Amino acid sequence: MKKRGSGRSGGAPLSVYNRLTRVALEASLRTAAPLVGAGLDRIVHADQVERLAPLDLAARAEVALRLVGGETGLSVVDLLQPISIR
């Protein structure tokens, strides 16, 4: 007679899923942490050097992204260059 459990047949599929989820989460955190740090660095730099509020910086970034691929000929790589406003 079989022992009745939770209704799943064996524990392997759930174990594999948990392991894959953990690996994916660790990889995502390794990738995301430097990006978040760089973003915060840019926000603080804009505030301290250019006296630009975070929402104004976000608006500038949104406008720049809308210009990519249009008649300006800008690419996403061009956005990595600092903007000098005088």
C-alpha atoms as a PDB file:
ATOM      1  CA  MET A   1       0.000   0.000   0.000  1.00  0.00           C
ATOM      2  CA  LYS A   2       1.306   3.443  -0.978  1.00  0.00           C
ATOM      3  CA  LYS A   3       1.743   6.114   1.589  1.00  0.00           C
ATOM      4  CA  ARG A   4      -0.437   9.149   0.942  1.00  0.00           C
ATOM      5  CA  GLY A   5       1.339  12.466   0.880  1.00  0.00           C
ATOM      6  CA  SER A   6       0.859  15.872  -0.592  1.00  0.00           C
ATOM      7  CA  GLY A   7      -0.267  14.581  -3.969  1.00  0.00           C
ATOM      8  CA  ARG A   8       3.037  15.152  -5.741  1.00  0.00           C
ATOM      9  CA  SER A   9       4.950  12.240  -7.123  1.00  0.00           C
ATOM     10  CA  GLY A  10       8.375  12.489  -5.541  1.00  0.00           C
ATOM     11  CA  GLY A  11      10.289  15.567  -4.516  1.00  0.00           C
ATOM     12  CA  ALA A  12      12.737  15.867  -7.408  1.00  0.00           C
ATOM     13  CA  PRO A  13      10.841  18.320  -9.666  1.00  0.00           C
ATOM     14  CA  LEU A  14      10.270  20.793  -6.836  1.00  0.00           C
ATOM     15  CA  SER A  15      13.871  20.409  -5.694  1.00  0.00           C
ATOM     16  CA  VAL A  16      15.164  21.120  -9.210  1.00  0.00           C
ATOM     17  CA  TYR A  17      12.860  24.127  -9.492  1.00  0.00           C
ATOM     18  CA  ASN A  18      14.081  25.532  -6.158  1.00  0.00           C
ATOM     19  CA  ARG A  19      17.706  25.058  -7.184  1.00  0.00           C
ATOM     20  CA  LEU A  20      17.162  26.770 -10.563  1.00  0.00           C
ATOM     21  CA  THR A  21      15.310  29.630  -8.882  1.00  0.00           C
ATOM     22  CA  ARG A  22      18.141  30.108  -6.398  1.00  0.00           C
ATOM     23  CA  VAL A  23      20.782  30.096  -9.160  1.00  0.00           C
ATOM     24  CA  ALA A  24      18.779  32.583 -11.248  1.00  0.00           C
ATOM     25  CA  LEU A  25      18.243  34.838  -8.239  1.00  0.00           C
ATOM     26  CA  GLU A  26      21.945  34.826  -7.358  1.00  0.00           C
ATOM     27  CA  ALA A  27      22.896  35.649 -10.960  1.00  0.00           C
ATOM     28  CA  SER A  28      20.312  38.441 -11.099  1.00  0.00           C
ATOM     29  CA  LEU A  29      21.607  39.973  -7.882  1.00  0.00           C
ATOM     30  CA  ARG A  30      25.210  39.798  -9.112  1.00  0.00           C
ATOM     31  CA  THR A  31      24.155  41.634 -12.272  1.00  0.00           C
ATOM     32  CA  ALA A  32      21.720  44.105 -10.717  1.00  0.00           C
ATOM     33  CA  ALA A  33      23.848  45.276  -7.784  1.00  0.00           C
ATOM     34  CA  PRO A  34      26.491  47.102  -9.866  1.00  0.00           C
ATOM     35  CA  LEU A  35      23.787  48.630 -12.082  1.00  0.00           C
ATOM     36  CA  VAL A  36      21.847  49.934  -9.100  1.00  0.00           C
ATOM     37  CA  GLY A  37      25.072  51.284  -7.614  1.00  0.00           C
ATOM     38  CA  ALA A  38      25.954  53.058 -10.866  1.00  0.00           C
ATOM     39  CA  GLY A  39      22.458  54.540 -11.063  1.00  0.00           C
ATOM     40  CA  LEU A  40      22.645  55.866  -7.517  1.00  0.00           C
ATOM     41  CA  ASP A  41      26.105  57.239  -8.237  1.00  0.00           C
ATOM     42  CA  ARG A  42      24.765  59.163 -11.248  1.00  0.00           C
ATOM     43  CA  ILE A  43      21.856  60.538  -9.229  1.00  0.00           C
ATOM     44  CA  VAL A  44      24.143  61.776  -6.445  1.00  0.00           C
ATOM     45  CA  HIS A  45      26.642  63.165  -8.958  1.00  0.00           C
ATOM     46  CA  ALA A  46      23.923  65.087 -10.806  1.00  0.00           C
ATOM     47  CA  ASP A  47      22.676  66.482  -7.513  1.00  0.00           C
ATOM     48  CA  GLN A  48      26.083  67.501  -6.166  1.00  0.00           C
ATOM     49  CA  VAL A  49      27.837  68.668  -9.335  1.00  0.00           C
ATOM     50  CA  GLU A  50      25.045  69.944 -11.580  1.00  0.00           C
ATOM     51  CA  ARG A  51      22.542  70.806  -8.844  1.00  0.00           C
ATOM     52  CA  LEU A  52      20.014  68.723 -10.768  1.00  0.00           C
ATOM     53  CA  ALA A  53      17.134  67.194  -8.803  1.00  0.00           C
ATOM     54  CA  PRO A  54      16.520  63.440  -9.266  1.00  0.00           C
ATOM     55  CA  LEU A  55      13.173  64.017 -11.034  1.00  0.00           C
ATOM     56  CA  ASP A  56      14.810  66.464 -13.427  1.00  0.00           C
ATOM     57  CA  LEU A  57      17.527  63.903 -14.129  1.00  0.00           C
ATOM     58  CA  ALA A  58      14.835  61.295 -14.840  1.00  0.00           C
ATOM     59  CA  ALA A  59      13.086  63.715 -17.208  1.00  0.00           C
ATOM     60  CA  ARG A  60      16.373  64.359 -19.011  1.00  0.00           C
ATOM     61  CA  ALA A  61      16.930  60.611 -19.365  1.00  0.00           C
ATOM     62  CA  GLU A  62      13.412  60.078 -20.708  1.00  0.00           C
ATOM     63  CA  VAL A  63      13.855  62.779 -23.339  1.00  0.00           C
ATOM     64  CA  ALA A  64      17.237  61.340 -24.347  1.00  0.00           C
ATOM     65  CA  LEU A  65      15.743  57.864 -24.748  1.00  0.00           C
ATOM     66  CA  ARG A  66      12.966  59.242 -26.950  1.00  0.00           C
ATOM     67  CA  LEU A  67      15.593  60.813 -29.221  1.00  0.00           C
ATOM     68  CA  VAL A  68      17.339  57.469 -29.834  1.00  0.00           C
ATOM     69  CA  GLY A  69      16.803  56.127 -33.320  1.00  0.00           C
ATOM     70  CA  GLY A  70      14.990  59.213 -34.547  1.00  0.00           C
ATOM     71  CA  GLU A  71      16.162  61.904 -36.912  1.00  0.00           C
ATOM     72  CA  THR A  72      18.969  62.817 -34.494  1.00  0.00           C
ATOM     73  CA  GLY A  73      20.901  59.685 -35.406  1.00  0.00           C
ATOM     74  CA  LEU A  74      21.659  58.987 -31.735  1.00  0.00           C
ATOM     75  CA  SER A  75      22.194  55.446 -30.538  1.00  0.00           C
ATOM     76  CA  VAL A  76      21.867  54.145 -27.000  1.00  0.00           C
ATOM     77  CA  VAL A  77      25.669  54.138 -26.731  1.00  0.00           C
ATOM     78  CA  ASP A  78      25.706  57.891 -27.370  1.00  0.00           C
ATOM     79  CA  LEU A  79      23.682  58.366 -24.178  1.00  0.00           C
ATOM     80  CA  LEU A  80      26.604  57.081 -22.103  1.00  0.00           C
ATOM     81  CA  GLN A  81      28.568  60.248 -22.868  1.00  0.00           C
ATOM     82  CA  PRO A  82      28.079  63.046 -20.338  1.00  0.00           C
ATOM     83  CA  ILE A  83      26.053  66.025 -21.464  1.00  0.00           C
ATOM     84  CA  SER A  84      27.697  69.393 -21.012  1.00  0.00           C
ATOM     85  CA  ILE A  85      25.175  72.187 -20.688  1.00  0.00           C
ATOM     86  CA  ARG A  86      26.555  75.691 -20.596  1.00  0.00           C
END
